Amino acid sequence: MDNLFTTIIQISYLIAASFFIIGLKELSSPATARHGNFLAAVGMLLAIIATLLQTHVLNIQLILLGLIIGSIIGTFAAYKVEMTQMPQMVGLLNGLGGAASALVAVAEFTKILANPQAISVDANISIMLDIFIGGITFTGSMLAFAKLQGLIPGTPIQFRFQQVFNAFLLIGFIAGSLYLVAVTPSLTVFTTIIAISLVLGVMFVLPIGGGDMPVVISLLNSFSGLAAAAAGFVVMNNMLIISGALVGASGIILTQIMCKAMNRSLVNVLFGAFGSGGSTVTGEAGSSNSNKHVRTIDPEEGAMMLGYARSVVIVPGYGMAVAQAQHSVRELADQLERMGVEIKYAIHPVAGRMPGHMNVLLAEANVPYEQLYDMEDINPQFEQTDVALVIGANDVVNPAARTNESSPIYGMPILEVDKAKQTIVIKRGMSAGFAGVDNDLFYKDKTTMLFGSAKEVVAKLAAEVKQL
């Protein structure tokens, strides 16, 4: 009977893992993302129930209480947290996932202190890995959350001998772990390596600027998965191992996609202190844009350009997210479509503060997913586009990435809006983007600037279009 019960539990884990894999696949498309998320949630529920039914679970009542409290908090957060705050929310959840995995390792280590022979060497090594990855994920994610939330400056923070200090911390962690595994369990040494892992997490995110958060969030998401997998090896739970491996693998793949979209290596993102504002010259052939002038228009002129166009490509950026202008953008697009204008949305992979940030915001405004185009698909269409409407985007549309070899963003794939017949840029002012460089697009003959808050300006454009 016990063998049958164990088999049923493992089959339940296999079904749950299948749901996870199918869910991940469906999350790759806006058309199936909602169903994929539902399947993954069902898989997680099944995995939790199967785990609770195992006889070695110590306190069902306490676990159920935790589930109820967590569900209440999660439901409240789902309703109260704005879509513009999703990057912070994801960072926070990554951190909590890492902390949960590390706490599993802490609980298992207490068994070693009580009986040093209770856990094998390989399980002991898994505990050390869990502490290392989980600790870094927790404090790193909390720091990323603080940067995104504006609690601390989002600019890179560096100091002399920073990497040397990090190296000493890493050596200290390895030495402490070897002592615990090969010599003897020690609460003092164990507490020390926990502290080291927490400090390493802070040092990991400290030199990274806020604009690189899409990469950092996806990497920390991968770390949280690896921490869960390590926890699975600690407690010998196949479901934790499988789900952690899936999260870890998908996170690192997404991280590579983000790096490719910026034409930068992961090492450069983590240690390059990009976005410190050291350079502001990006004109062609290294010339400055300081003596150039921009053409400005008012909402009435902008509405005429949009209303009489045959095709308009809308390019959302972080400025749209900050102004929470996605609903106004959808209203403007609806007005233009009623006039026979073809509307498309161009999405850059790193626009915003987390992977898919623009997609999430536009989905909240019920923008049809078939109107969303990836960079590779939309770039060949800009030459046939009458008007490109850039809303709060900066570096991801800067033509210096193609033309100026001295620019910090040279080689970065961009949305080629400068190839459209006309370009309207909605922006609060002429400030540089995250890379700290001026934008050549603003000074192009075919570009006009419409200054103001994205939400207010887009609403004015929609109102003017109605009167055409």
Protein backbone atom coordinates (compact mmCIF):
# COMPACT_ATOMS: atom_id res chain seq x y z
CA MET A 1 0.00 0.00 0.00
CA ASP A 2 2.84 2.37 0.87
CA ASN A 3 4.44 1.70 -2.52
CA LEU A 4 1.17 2.43 -4.28
CA PHE A 5 0.76 5.69 -2.36
CA THR A 6 4.32 6.72 -3.21
CA THR A 7 3.68 5.95 -6.87
CA ILE A 8 0.53 8.07 -6.87
CA ILE A 9 2.46 10.97 -5.35
CA GLN A 10 5.20 10.71 -8.00
CA ILE A 11 2.63 10.50 -10.82
CA SER A 12 0.97 13.63 -9.41
CA TYR A 13 4.36 15.36 -9.53
CA LEU A 14 4.81 14.24 -13.13
CA ILE A 15 1.41 15.64 -14.12
CA ALA A 16 2.19 18.91 -12.30
CA ALA A 17 5.55 19.15 -14.09
CA SER A 18 3.78 18.61 -17.42
CA PHE A 19 1.41 21.47 -16.58
CA PHE A 20 4.43 23.67 -15.80
CA ILE A 21 6.09 22.90 -19.13
CA ILE A 22 2.91 23.46 -21.16
CA GLY A 23 2.21 26.63 -19.18
CA LEU A 24 5.69 27.99 -19.93
CA LYS A 25 5.20 27.25 -23.61
CA GLU A 26 1.87 29.06 -23.70
CA LEU A 27 3.29 32.06 -21.85
CA SER A 28 5.42 32.78 -24.91
CA SER A 29 2.39 34.19 -26.75
CA PRO A 30 -0.08 36.88 -25.60
CA ALA A 31 -2.88 34.83 -27.17
CA THR A 32 -2.28 31.84 -24.87
CA ALA A 33 -0.57 33.48 -21.88
CA ARG A 34 -3.68 33.58 -19.68
CA HIS A 35 -4.40 29.88 -20.26
CA GLY A 36 -0.73 29.02 -19.71
CA ASN A 37 -0.70 30.86 -16.41
CA PHE A 38 -3.84 29.00 -15.34
CA LEU A 39 -2.31 25.61 -16.22
CA ALA A 40 0.84 26.42 -14.26
CA ALA A 41 -1.25 27.47 -11.26
CA VAL A 42 -3.23 24.21 -11.41
CA GLY A 43 0.06 22.30 -11.59
CA MET A 44 1.34 24.10 -8.51
CA LEU A 45 -1.88 23.38 -6.61
CA LEU A 46 -1.61 19.71 -7.51
CA ALA A 47 2.03 19.62 -6.39
CA ILE A 48 1.17 21.25 -3.05
CA ILE A 49 -1.69 18.84 -2.37
CA ALA A 50 0.49 15.84 -3.23
CA THR A 51 3.22 17.07 -0.91
CA LEU A 52 0.81 17.66 1.97
CA LEU A 53 -0.53 14.11 1.64
CA GLN A 54 2.87 12.61 2.31
CA THR A 55 3.14 11.11 5.76
CA HIS A 56 6.44 12.79 6.68
CA VAL A 57 4.88 16.25 6.68
CA LEU A 58 5.04 17.27 10.32
CA ASN A 59 2.34 19.85 10.94
CA ILE A 60 -0.50 19.99 8.42
CA GLN A 61 -2.42 22.60 10.43
CA LEU A 62 0.47 25.04 10.52
CA ILE A 63 1.13 24.58 6.80
CA LEU A 64 -2.53 25.17 5.96
CA LEU A 65 -2.47 28.32 8.07
CA GLY A 66 0.53 29.53 6.08
CA LEU A 67 -1.26 28.75 2.82
CA ILE A 68 -4.32 30.72 3.89
CA ILE A 69 -2.30 33.74 5.02
CA GLY A 70 -0.17 33.67 1.85
CA SER A 71 -3.24 33.36 -0.37
CA ILE A 72 -4.87 36.35 1.30
CA ILE A 73 -1.74 38.47 0.88
CA GLY A 74 -1.33 37.33 -2.74
CA THR A 75 -4.95 38.09 -3.60
CA PHE A 76 -4.72 41.52 -2.00
CA ALA A 77 -1.50 42.30 -3.90
CA ALA A 78 -3.02 41.12 -7.20
CA TYR A 79 -5.87 43.60 -6.84
CA LYS A 80 -3.98 46.54 -5.32
CA VAL A 81 -0.62 46.59 -7.13
CA GLU A 82 -0.73 48.70 -10.30
CA MET A 83 0.54 47.30 -13.59
CA THR A 84 3.21 50.01 -13.61
CA GLN A 85 4.52 48.51 -10.36
CA MET A 86 4.90 44.99 -11.75
CA PRO A 87 8.72 45.21 -12.01
CA GLN A 88 8.92 45.93 -8.28
CA MET A 89 6.41 43.16 -7.57
CA VAL A 90 8.36 40.61 -9.61
CA GLY A 91 11.59 41.62 -7.87
CA LEU A 92 9.93 41.25 -4.49
CA LEU A 93 8.54 37.80 -5.34
CA ASN A 94 11.94 36.67 -6.63
CA GLY A 95 13.47 37.68 -3.31
CA LEU A 96 10.83 35.89 -1.26
CA GLY A 97 11.34 32.75 -3.35
CA GLY A 98 15.07 32.84 -2.64
CA ALA A 99 14.46 33.42 1.06
CA ALA A 100 12.01 30.50 1.26
CA SER A 101 14.54 28.16 -0.32
CA ALA A 102 17.29 29.35 2.02
CA LEU A 103 15.04 28.78 5.04
CA VAL A 104 14.59 25.17 3.94
CA ALA A 105 18.37 24.80 4.05
CA VAL A 106 18.50 26.42 7.49
CA ALA A 107 15.87 23.99 8.80
CA GLU A 108 17.79 21.00 7.44
CA PHE A 109 21.06 22.24 8.93
CA THR A 110 19.49 22.20 12.40
CA LYS A 111 19.13 18.43 11.92
CA ILE A 112 22.87 18.21 11.25
CA LEU A 113 23.61 20.08 14.48
CA ALA A 114 21.44 17.62 16.40
CA ASN A 115 22.87 14.57 14.63
CA PRO A 116 25.94 15.13 12.37
CA GLN A 117 25.41 11.73 10.75
CA ALA A 118 21.78 12.44 9.83
CA ILE A 119 22.52 13.97 6.41
CA SER A 120 24.90 12.75 3.71
CA VAL A 121 27.75 14.76 2.27
CA ASP A 122 25.92 15.46 -1.00
CA ALA A 123 22.87 16.76 0.90
CA ASN A 124 25.21 18.88 3.02
CA ILE A 125 26.72 20.40 -0.13
CA SER A 126 23.20 21.08 -1.43
CA ILE A 127 22.48 22.99 1.78
CA MET A 128 25.51 25.23 1.22
CA LEU A 129 24.49 25.89 -2.40
CA ASP A 130 20.96 26.65 -1.29
CA ILE A 131 22.21 29.17 1.27
CA PHE A 132 24.51 30.77 -1.29
CA ILE A 133 21.99 31.14 -4.12
CA GLY A 134 18.99 31.82 -1.87
CA GLY A 135 20.79 34.49 0.15
CA ILE A 136 22.04 36.31 -2.95
CA THR A 137 18.59 36.12 -4.53
CA PHE A 138 16.88 37.53 -1.44
CA THR A 139 19.01 40.60 -0.75
CA GLY A 140 19.74 41.20 -4.44
CA SER A 141 16.05 41.22 -5.25
CA MET A 142 15.24 43.45 -2.29
CA LEU A 143 17.84 45.96 -3.49
CA ALA A 144 16.45 45.77 -7.03
CA PHE A 145 12.98 46.40 -5.57
CA ALA A 146 14.29 49.43 -3.67
CA LYS A 147 15.88 50.87 -6.82
CA LEU A 148 12.76 50.36 -8.91
CA GLN A 149 10.52 51.75 -6.20
CA GLY A 150 12.70 54.85 -5.88
CA LEU A 151 13.59 54.15 -2.26
CA ILE A 152 17.27 54.46 -3.21
CA PRO A 153 18.92 56.01 -6.30
CA GLY A 154 18.72 53.83 -9.39
CA THR A 155 22.17 54.85 -10.63
CA PRO A 156 25.10 52.40 -10.38
CA ILE A 157 26.97 52.58 -7.07
CA GLN A 158 30.65 51.66 -7.06
CA PHE A 159 33.64 52.11 -4.78
CA ARG A 160 37.35 51.34 -4.91
CA PHE A 161 38.37 47.69 -4.66
CA GLN A 162 34.72 46.65 -4.92
CA GLN A 163 35.50 43.50 -6.89
CA VAL A 164 38.38 42.63 -4.56
CA PHE A 165 35.97 42.89 -1.64
CA ASN A 166 33.51 40.65 -3.47
CA ALA A 167 36.27 38.12 -4.14
CA PHE A 168 37.16 37.98 -0.44
CA LEU A 169 33.51 37.44 0.42
CA LEU A 170 33.28 34.58 -2.08
CA ILE A 171 36.48 32.98 -0.78
CA GLY A 172 35.15 33.31 2.76
CA PHE A 173 31.91 31.57 1.82
CA ILE A 174 33.73 28.71 0.09
CA ALA A 175 36.11 28.28 3.03
CA GLY A 176 33.23 28.27 5.54
CA SER A 177 31.27 25.77 3.45
CA LEU A 178 34.25 23.42 3.17
CA TYR A 179 34.72 23.59 6.92
CA LEU A 180 31.08 22.68 7.54
CA VAL A 181 31.09 19.83 5.03
CA ALA A 182 34.54 18.33 5.64
CA VAL A 183 35.33 19.16 9.28
CA THR A 184 32.42 19.67 11.66
CA PRO A 185 29.02 21.40 11.85
CA SER A 186 29.25 24.79 13.54
CA LEU A 187 26.40 27.20 14.17
CA THR A 188 28.84 30.14 14.24
CA VAL A 189 30.38 29.28 10.86
CA PHE A 190 26.95 28.54 9.38
CA THR A 191 25.61 31.91 10.54
CA THR A 192 28.69 33.58 9.07
CA ILE A 193 28.22 32.09 5.60
CA ILE A 194 24.54 33.11 5.69
CA ALA A 195 25.62 36.69 6.40
CA ILE A 196 28.19 36.51 3.60
CA SER A 197 25.58 35.33 1.08
CA LEU A 198 23.27 38.18 2.08
CA VAL A 199 26.05 40.75 1.66
CA LEU A 200 27.01 39.25 -1.70
CA GLY A 201 23.44 39.78 -2.88
CA VAL A 202 23.67 43.48 -2.08
CA MET A 203 27.08 43.76 -3.73
CA PHE A 204 25.75 41.94 -6.79
CA VAL A 205 23.02 44.52 -7.56
CA LEU A 206 24.68 47.66 -6.16
CA PRO A 207 26.76 48.50 -9.28
CA ILE A 208 23.84 47.90 -11.68
CA GLY A 209 21.79 50.85 -12.93
CA GLY A 210 18.01 50.99 -12.89
CA GLY A 211 17.77 50.78 -16.67
CA ASP A 212 19.42 47.35 -16.61
CA MET A 213 16.70 46.00 -14.34
CA PRO A 214 15.08 43.89 -17.11
CA VAL A 215 18.27 41.82 -17.21
CA VAL A 216 18.73 41.77 -13.44
CA ILE A 217 15.14 40.74 -12.75
CA SER A 218 15.26 37.86 -15.24
CA LEU A 219 18.64 36.74 -13.83
CA LEU A 220 17.38 36.89 -10.24
CA ASN A 221 14.32 34.96 -11.38
CA SER A 222 16.70 32.28 -12.67
CA PHE A 223 18.54 32.34 -9.33
CA SER A 224 15.29 31.83 -7.42
CA GLY A 225 14.64 28.75 -9.55
CA LEU A 226 18.12 27.39 -8.92
CA ALA A 227 17.64 27.98 -5.19
CA ALA A 228 14.39 26.03 -5.31
CA ALA A 229 16.11 23.19 -7.18
CA ALA A 230 18.86 23.12 -4.56
CA ALA A 231 16.19 23.00 -1.84
CA GLY A 232 14.66 20.07 -3.70
CA PHE A 233 17.94 18.15 -3.44
CA VAL A 234 18.14 19.04 0.26
CA VAL A 235 14.72 17.58 1.11
CA MET A 236 14.77 15.02 -1.76
CA ASN A 237 11.62 16.36 -3.41
CA ASN A 238 11.39 15.71 -7.14
CA MET A 239 8.79 18.42 -7.69
CA LEU A 240 11.02 21.13 -6.27
CA ILE A 241 13.92 19.96 -8.38
CA ILE A 242 11.89 19.93 -11.61
CA SER A 243 10.09 23.23 -11.06
CA GLY A 244 13.27 24.94 -9.89
CA ALA A 245 15.17 23.71 -12.93
CA LEU A 246 12.42 24.99 -15.24
CA VAL A 247 12.46 28.43 -13.65
CA GLY A 248 16.26 28.52 -13.62
CA ALA A 249 16.57 27.52 -17.28
CA SER A 250 13.82 29.85 -18.55
CA GLY A 251 15.24 32.73 -16.53
CA ILE A 252 18.75 32.38 -17.92
CA ILE A 253 17.41 32.04 -21.49
CA LEU A 254 15.40 35.25 -21.02
CA THR A 255 18.49 36.93 -19.56
CA GLN A 256 20.46 36.08 -22.69
CA ILE A 257 17.64 37.43 -24.87
CA MET A 258 17.71 40.71 -22.92
CA CYS A 259 21.49 41.01 -23.26
CA LYS A 260 21.28 40.33 -26.99
CA ALA A 261 18.62 43.04 -27.33
CA MET A 262 21.08 45.54 -25.83
CA ASN A 263 24.10 44.14 -27.70
CA ARG A 264 25.91 43.72 -24.41
CA SER A 265 27.34 40.76 -22.56
CA LEU A 266 26.00 39.66 -19.21
CA VAL A 267 29.39 40.49 -17.66
CA ASN A 268 29.12 44.06 -18.99
CA VAL A 269 25.61 44.42 -17.55
CA LEU A 270 26.67 43.15 -14.14
CA PHE A 271 30.01 44.94 -13.83
CA GLY A 272 29.98 47.74 -16.42
CA ALA A 273 28.16 50.33 -14.25
CA PHE A 274 26.26 51.27 -17.41
CA GLY A 275 24.13 54.40 -17.26
CA SER A 276 26.29 56.44 -14.89
CA GLY A 277 25.93 59.37 -17.23
CA GLY A 278 29.55 59.68 -18.19
CA SER A 279 28.88 60.54 -21.83
CA THR A 280 26.37 62.82 -23.41
CA VAL A 281 27.76 63.17 -26.93
CA THR A 282 26.20 61.01 -29.59
CA GLY A 283 26.00 63.10 -32.72
CA GLU A 284 27.18 61.58 -35.96
CA ALA A 285 30.94 61.44 -36.34
CA GLY A 286 31.23 62.29 -32.67
CA SER A 287 29.76 65.78 -33.01
CA SER A 288 27.60 67.25 -30.28
CA ASN A 289 23.91 67.94 -30.65
CA SER A 290 24.11 70.96 -28.38
CA ASN A 291 23.95 73.44 -31.28
CA LYS A 292 21.11 71.68 -33.09
CA HIS A 293 17.46 72.58 -32.84
CA VAL A 294 14.32 70.53 -32.55
CA ARG A 295 10.96 71.07 -34.22
CA THR A 296 8.02 71.25 -31.84
CA ILE A 297 4.31 70.91 -32.47
CA ASP A 298 1.15 71.21 -30.40
CA PRO A 299 -1.55 68.50 -29.96
CA GLU A 300 -3.68 69.99 -32.74
CA GLU A 301 -0.88 69.67 -35.29
CA GLY A 302 -0.03 66.20 -34.00
CA ALA A 303 -3.65 65.11 -34.35
CA MET A 304 -3.71 66.27 -37.97
CA MET A 305 -0.54 64.31 -38.76
CA LEU A 306 -1.98 61.17 -37.16
CA GLY A 307 -5.54 61.55 -38.43
CA TYR A 308 -4.55 61.94 -42.08
CA ALA A 309 -2.00 59.12 -42.03
CA ARG A 310 -2.70 55.72 -43.53
CA SER A 311 -0.49 53.83 -41.08
CA VAL A 312 0.75 54.67 -37.59
CA VAL A 313 3.20 52.68 -35.48
CA ILE A 314 3.06 53.43 -31.76
CA VAL A 315 6.31 52.90 -29.84
CA PRO A 316 5.71 52.72 -26.06
CA GLY A 317 8.50 53.26 -23.55
CA TYR A 318 9.07 53.65 -19.85
CA GLY A 319 7.70 57.20 -20.00
CA MET A 320 4.31 55.74 -20.90
CA ALA A 321 4.52 53.40 -17.92
CA VAL A 322 5.45 56.15 -15.48
CA ALA A 323 2.60 58.37 -16.70
CA GLN A 324 0.21 55.36 -16.74
CA ALA A 325 -0.85 56.45 -20.20
CA GLN A 326 -1.68 53.03 -21.63
CA HIS A 327 -5.46 53.57 -21.48
CA SER A 328 -5.15 56.97 -23.17
CA VAL A 329 -3.00 55.36 -25.84
CA ARG A 330 -5.67 52.74 -26.48
CA GLU A 331 -8.32 55.49 -26.73
CA LEU A 332 -6.22 57.39 -29.26
CA ALA A 333 -5.64 54.22 -31.29
CA ASP A 334 -9.37 53.47 -31.31
CA GLN A 335 -10.12 56.97 -32.62
CA LEU A 336 -7.55 56.62 -35.39
CA GLU A 337 -8.85 53.18 -36.39
CA ARG A 338 -12.35 54.61 -36.78
CA MET A 339 -10.85 57.02 -39.31
CA GLY A 340 -9.34 54.12 -41.26
CA VAL A 341 -5.77 54.43 -39.94
CA GLU A 342 -3.86 51.16 -39.58
CA ILE A 343 -2.40 50.89 -36.04
CA LYS A 344 0.54 48.78 -34.94
CA TYR A 345 2.63 48.74 -31.76
CA ALA A 346 6.40 48.27 -31.86
CA ILE A 347 7.79 46.53 -28.76
CA HIS A 348 11.50 46.62 -27.94
CA PRO A 349 12.66 43.68 -25.78
CA VAL A 350 14.13 45.91 -23.05
CA ALA A 351 11.60 48.76 -23.08
CA GLY A 352 10.52 49.36 -19.49
CA ARG A 353 11.87 47.93 -16.28
CA MET A 354 11.22 44.23 -16.69
CA PRO A 355 10.93 41.73 -19.54
CA GLY A 356 7.55 42.17 -21.25
CA HIS A 357 6.73 45.35 -19.32
CA MET A 358 5.16 47.10 -22.31
CA ASN A 359 3.18 43.98 -23.26
CA VAL A 360 1.72 43.79 -19.76
CA LEU A 361 0.68 47.45 -19.73
CA LEU A 362 -0.89 47.30 -23.17
CA ALA A 363 -2.70 44.09 -22.27
CA GLU A 364 -4.16 45.88 -19.25
CA ALA A 365 -5.57 48.47 -21.67
CA ASN A 366 -7.03 45.65 -23.82
CA VAL A 367 -4.85 46.40 -26.82
CA PRO A 368 -5.40 43.54 -29.33
CA TYR A 369 -2.36 41.26 -29.15
CA GLU A 370 -2.26 40.89 -32.94
CA GLN A 371 -1.31 44.58 -33.13
CA LEU A 372 1.85 44.01 -31.07
CA TYR A 373 5.00 43.49 -33.14
CA ASP A 374 8.45 42.47 -32.00
CA MET A 375 11.42 44.54 -33.08
CA GLU A 376 12.53 42.09 -35.78
CA ASP A 377 9.07 42.06 -37.34
CA ILE A 378 8.30 45.77 -37.24
CA ASN A 379 11.64 47.26 -38.31
CA PRO A 380 11.26 46.34 -42.02
CA GLN A 381 7.86 48.08 -41.99
CA PHE A 382 8.96 51.52 -40.80
CA GLU A 383 9.89 52.74 -44.30
CA GLN A 384 6.25 52.25 -45.34
CA THR A 385 4.90 53.84 -42.14
CA ASP A 386 3.43 57.33 -42.41
CA VAL A 387 3.87 58.29 -38.72
CA ALA A 388 5.83 56.68 -35.90
CA LEU A 389 4.50 57.86 -32.54
CA VAL A 390 7.15 57.46 -29.82
CA ILE A 391 5.72 57.68 -26.30
CA GLY A 392 8.34 57.95 -23.58
CA ALA A 393 10.98 55.79 -25.29
CA ASN A 394 14.55 57.04 -25.62
CA ASP A 395 17.63 54.82 -26.00
CA VAL A 396 15.70 52.06 -27.80
CA VAL A 397 14.96 54.47 -30.71
CA ASN A 398 18.29 56.32 -30.83
CA PRO A 399 19.79 56.08 -34.34
CA ALA A 400 23.26 56.68 -32.89
CA ALA A 401 23.24 52.96 -32.15
CA ARG A 402 23.60 52.47 -35.92
CA THR A 403 25.64 55.48 -36.99
CA ASN A 404 28.01 56.59 -34.22
CA GLU A 405 30.77 54.16 -33.31
CA SER A 406 31.82 56.33 -30.36
CA SER A 407 28.41 56.09 -28.72
CA PRO A 408 28.05 53.83 -25.64
CA ILE A 409 25.01 52.25 -27.26
CA TYR A 410 26.62 51.64 -30.68
CA GLY A 411 25.56 48.24 -32.00
CA MET A 412 22.49 47.99 -29.80
CA PRO A 413 19.48 46.79 -31.83
CA ILE A 414 16.91 49.59 -31.93
CA LEU A 415 13.44 50.29 -33.28
CA GLU A 416 14.23 52.13 -36.53
CA VAL A 417 11.57 54.83 -36.19
CA ASP A 418 13.81 57.35 -37.96
CA LYS A 419 13.03 55.50 -41.21
CA ALA A 420 9.33 56.36 -40.97
CA LYS A 421 8.03 59.20 -43.14
CA GLN A 422 7.29 61.29 -40.02
CA THR A 423 8.10 60.74 -36.34
CA ILE A 424 6.36 62.33 -33.37
CA VAL A 425 8.14 62.03 -30.01
CA ILE A 426 6.17 62.60 -26.81
CA LYS A 427 8.53 63.45 -23.98
CA ARG A 428 8.63 65.64 -20.89
CA GLY A 429 11.87 67.32 -21.92
CA MET A 430 15.21 66.85 -23.64
CA SER A 431 16.85 64.81 -20.88
CA ALA A 432 19.06 61.90 -21.88
CA GLY A 433 17.95 58.31 -21.49
CA PHE A 434 19.34 55.69 -19.13
CA ALA A 435 22.56 55.36 -21.13
CA GLY A 436 23.32 59.01 -20.35
CA VAL A 437 23.56 59.97 -24.03
CA ASP A 438 21.66 62.46 -26.16
CA ASN A 439 19.22 61.13 -28.75
CA ASP A 440 20.00 61.91 -32.40
CA LEU A 441 16.38 61.12 -33.31
CA PHE A 442 15.16 64.37 -31.72
CA TYR A 443 17.15 66.46 -34.20
CA LYS A 444 16.17 64.67 -37.41
CA ASP A 445 14.36 66.70 -40.07
CA LYS A 446 11.43 64.26 -40.04
CA THR A 447 11.07 64.35 -36.24
CA THR A 448 8.77 66.63 -34.28
CA MET A 449 8.65 66.89 -30.49
CA LEU A 450 5.46 67.09 -28.44
CA PHE A 451 6.48 68.01 -24.91
CA GLY A 452 4.48 67.11 -21.80
CA SER A 453 3.31 64.22 -19.64
CA ALA A 454 2.48 61.23 -21.84
CA LYS A 455 -0.97 60.72 -20.33
CA GLU A 456 -2.01 64.35 -20.73
CA VAL A 457 -0.54 64.77 -24.21
CA VAL A 458 -2.04 61.55 -25.56
CA ALA A 459 -5.44 62.48 -24.11
CA LYS A 460 -5.23 65.86 -25.87
CA LEU A 461 -4.29 64.13 -29.12
CA ALA A 462 -7.32 61.83 -28.81
CA ALA A 463 -9.60 64.80 -28.16
CA GLU A 464 -8.23 66.66 -31.20
CA VAL A 465 -8.53 63.59 -33.42
CA LYS A 466 -12.23 63.34 -32.52
CA GLN A 467 -12.75 66.82 -33.97
CA LEU A 468 -11.15 66.10 -37.33
